[in-house]
Protein backbone atom coordinates (compact mmCIF):
# COMPACT_ATOMS: atom_id res chain seq x y z
CA MET A 1 5.77 9.33 55.47
CA SER A 2 4.85 12.84 54.43
CA GLU A 3 2.13 13.59 51.94
CA GLY A 4 4.61 15.01 49.41
CA LEU A 5 6.77 11.90 49.57
CA GLY A 6 3.71 9.67 49.00
CA VAL A 7 2.69 11.68 45.94
CA ALA A 8 6.25 11.56 44.57
CA LEU A 9 6.41 7.77 45.05
CA LEU A 10 3.04 7.30 43.36
CA ALA A 11 4.17 9.46 40.43
CA LEU A 12 7.36 7.43 40.15
CA VAL A 13 5.38 4.18 40.08
CA VAL A 14 3.07 5.52 37.36
CA VAL A 15 6.02 6.68 35.23
CA ALA A 16 7.72 3.28 35.69
CA LEU A 17 4.54 1.45 34.60
CA LEU A 18 4.11 3.65 31.54
CA GLY A 19 7.77 3.11 30.65
CA ALA A 20 7.39 -0.66 30.99
CA MET A 21 4.29 -0.57 28.74
CA TRP A 22 6.18 1.45 26.12
CA VAL A 23 9.16 -0.95 26.17
CA GLY A 24 6.78 -3.94 25.88
CA TRP A 25 4.99 -2.42 22.88
CA ARG A 26 8.31 -1.65 21.16
CA ARG A 27 9.51 -5.23 21.67
CA ARG A 28 6.20 -6.60 20.40
CA SER A 29 6.48 -4.39 17.32
CA ALA A 30 10.04 -5.55 16.69
CA ARG A 31 9.01 -9.22 16.92
CA ALA A 32 6.08 -8.65 14.59
CA ILE A 33 8.25 -6.82 12.03
CA ALA A 34 10.76 -9.67 12.09
CA ALA A 35 8.00 -12.28 11.57
CA LEU A 36 5.92 -10.45 8.98
CA PRO A 37 7.44 -9.71 5.56
CA ALA A 38 7.07 -6.34 3.90
CA LEU A 39 3.54 -5.51 2.85
CA PRO A 40 2.71 -5.65 -0.87
CA ALA A 41 3.34 -2.43 -2.77
CA VAL A 42 0.38 -0.67 -4.35
CA PRO A 43 0.56 -1.21 -8.12
CA ALA A 44 -1.04 0.94 -10.81
CA LEU A 45 -4.69 0.06 -10.30
CA GLY A 46 -6.86 1.85 -12.83
CA ALA A 47 -10.55 2.34 -12.18
CA PRO A 48 -12.05 0.51 -9.19
CA ARG A 49 -14.70 -2.22 -9.47
CA LEU A 50 -16.19 -0.80 -6.29
CA GLY A 51 -15.43 2.26 -4.27
CA PRO A 52 -14.34 4.27 -2.70
CA VAL A 53 -16.42 2.97 0.20
CA PRO A 54 -16.04 4.94 3.46
CA VAL A 55 -14.82 2.57 6.20
CA ALA A 56 -13.06 2.52 9.53
CA TYR A 57 -10.00 0.31 9.43
CA VAL A 58 -10.26 -1.70 12.64
CA ALA A 59 -7.28 -4.05 12.83
CA THR A 60 -5.24 -6.84 11.35
CA ALA A 61 -4.71 -10.02 13.38
CA VAL A 62 -2.85 -13.26 12.76
CA VAL A 63 -5.39 -16.07 12.20
CA GLY A 64 -5.64 -18.08 15.42
CA ARG A 65 -4.62 -15.12 17.56
CA THR A 66 -7.70 -12.96 17.13
CA LEU A 67 -7.23 -10.91 20.29
CA GLY A 68 -3.83 -9.55 19.30
CA ARG A 69 -3.36 -6.88 16.68
CA VAL A 70 -0.43 -7.16 14.31
CA ALA A 71 1.88 -4.40 15.52
CA ALA A 72 4.13 -4.35 12.41
CA HIS A 73 3.96 -1.96 9.48
CA GLY A 74 1.30 0.29 11.11
CA LEU A 75 -1.34 -2.44 11.01
CA ALA A 76 -2.28 -1.85 14.65
CA VAL A 77 -3.33 1.73 13.95
CA ARG A 78 -7.08 2.19 13.83
CA ALA A 79 -7.99 4.79 11.25
CA PRO A 80 -10.82 6.14 9.15
CA GLY A 81 -10.39 5.55 5.43
CA GLU A 82 -11.79 4.19 2.21
CA ALA A 83 -11.89 0.74 0.65
CA GLU A 84 -11.55 0.24 -3.09
CA VAL A 85 -11.84 -3.08 -4.89
CA HIS A 86 -9.80 -3.34 -8.11
CA ASP A 87 -9.11 -6.27 -10.46
CA ALA A 88 -5.63 -6.45 -8.86
CA GLY A 89 -6.92 -6.58 -5.29
CA LEU A 90 -8.27 -4.65 -2.29
CA LEU A 91 -6.89 -1.23 -1.46
CA LEU A 92 -7.49 0.28 1.97
CA ARG A 93 -6.63 3.97 2.05
CA ARG A 94 -6.16 4.94 5.70
CA ALA A 95 -6.04 8.52 6.99
CA GLY A 96 -2.89 9.07 9.04
CA ALA A 97 -1.48 5.64 8.17
CA ALA A 98 0.04 3.92 5.16
CA ASP A 99 -2.30 2.46 2.58
CA LEU A 100 -2.76 -1.31 2.73
CA PHE A 101 -2.98 -3.28 -0.52
CA VAL A 102 -4.07 -6.93 -0.57
CA PRO A 103 -3.34 -8.58 -3.93
CA ALA A 104 -6.20 -10.66 -5.36
CA ALA A 105 -3.92 -13.72 -5.54
CA ASP A 106 -3.37 -13.53 -1.75
CA LEU A 107 -7.06 -13.39 -0.82
CA GLU A 108 -8.50 -16.48 0.90
CA ALA A 109 -11.94 -15.49 2.17
CA VAL A 110 -14.17 -12.62 3.15
CA GLY A 111 -17.21 -12.45 5.40
CA PRO A 112 -18.98 -10.75 8.28
CA ALA A 113 -17.82 -10.77 11.87
CA ARG A 114 -18.81 -9.12 15.12
CA ALA A 115 -15.32 -8.66 16.58
CA LEU A 116 -11.65 -8.67 15.70
CA ALA A 117 -8.51 -8.05 17.76
CA GLY A 118 -10.38 -7.07 20.88
CA THR A 119 -12.75 -4.69 19.09
CA ALA A 120 -16.40 -5.69 19.14
CA VAL A 121 -18.83 -3.69 17.03
CA GLY A 122 -22.07 -5.66 17.12
CA VAL A 123 -23.67 -8.42 15.17
CA ASP A 124 -21.78 -8.99 11.90
CA ARG A 125 -21.04 -5.32 11.17
CA LEU A 126 -17.37 -5.93 10.37
CA VAL A 127 -16.18 -7.05 6.95
CA VAL A 128 -13.19 -9.35 7.63
CA VAL A 129 -10.83 -10.24 4.80
CA ARG A 130 -8.54 -13.28 5.23
CA TRP A 131 -5.32 -13.09 3.23
CA ARG A 132 -1.74 -14.32 3.06
CA CYS A 133 1.35 -12.20 3.59
CA GLY A 134 4.37 -14.42 3.01
CA THR A 135 3.86 -17.49 5.19
CA MET A 136 1.39 -15.80 7.56
CA THR A 137 -2.37 -15.83 7.22
CA LEU A 138 -4.01 -12.62 8.43
CA ASP A 139 -7.51 -11.30 9.08
CA THR A 140 -8.07 -7.61 8.34
CA GLY A 141 -11.30 -5.98 9.48
CA VAL A 142 -13.02 -2.86 8.28
CA LEU A 143 -16.27 -1.31 9.43
CA PRO A 144 -18.24 0.26 6.55
CA ARG A 145 -19.75 3.59 7.55
CA HIS A 146 -23.06 2.75 5.82
CA ALA A 147 -24.88 -0.54 6.38
CA ALA A 148 -25.76 -0.81 2.67
CA ASP A 149 -22.03 -0.90 1.80
CA ARG A 150 -21.31 -4.11 3.80
CA ALA A 151 -22.87 -6.53 1.33
CA ALA A 152 -21.50 -4.72 -1.73
CA LEU A 153 -17.94 -4.67 -0.32
CA THR A 154 -18.15 -8.32 0.76
CA GLU A 155 -19.39 -9.48 -2.64
CA ALA A 156 -16.87 -7.40 -4.58
CA VAL A 157 -13.95 -8.87 -2.58
CA ARG A 158 -15.45 -12.37 -2.73
CA ALA A 159 -15.43 -12.12 -6.55
CA LEU A 160 -11.62 -11.74 -6.37
CA VAL A 161 -10.95 -14.73 -4.12
CA PRO A 162 -9.09 -17.29 -6.29
CA THR A 163 -10.59 -20.38 -4.61
CA PRO A 164 -13.85 -19.42 -2.92
CA THR A 165 -14.63 -21.04 0.43
CA ASP A 166 -17.75 -20.77 2.53
CA GLY A 167 -17.02 -17.04 2.60
CA SER A 168 -16.44 -16.76 6.31
CA PRO A 169 -12.98 -15.98 7.68
CA ALA A 170 -14.23 -15.69 11.23
């Protein structure tokens, strides 16, 4: 086999693998969209209780499947942003992605975690919010840019949880 033919075959294999990965991701997204209802719309919120707090949106995962990001509705897109806590719920404004609003009535728990959806950031640096979207229970993680904001964000969200638990979603 000539060197040119070997390079061409290798390039073909790489293109085929990338195509298979793309098709797999599209199918995963389609399954997730079918399973997850539309995300809550952002209502008129008024002044925030807390925020904006600079954060990095890390991921949203289905509870019990913490290594897999939810691929629907742009929830798999990691992005810088800001978190705001309002009486109506938690608003995550994400740069380059749609805002995510979690109504206060859907909140279940909030607490620290070291990892979510395959992203590890160190000892309890993530703030993970557990919430319901339709019949699914989700964990959404954000990484506050400043260490001092972690406790304030956690406590502000915890104050909205209708039936407080031990405070730990993870």
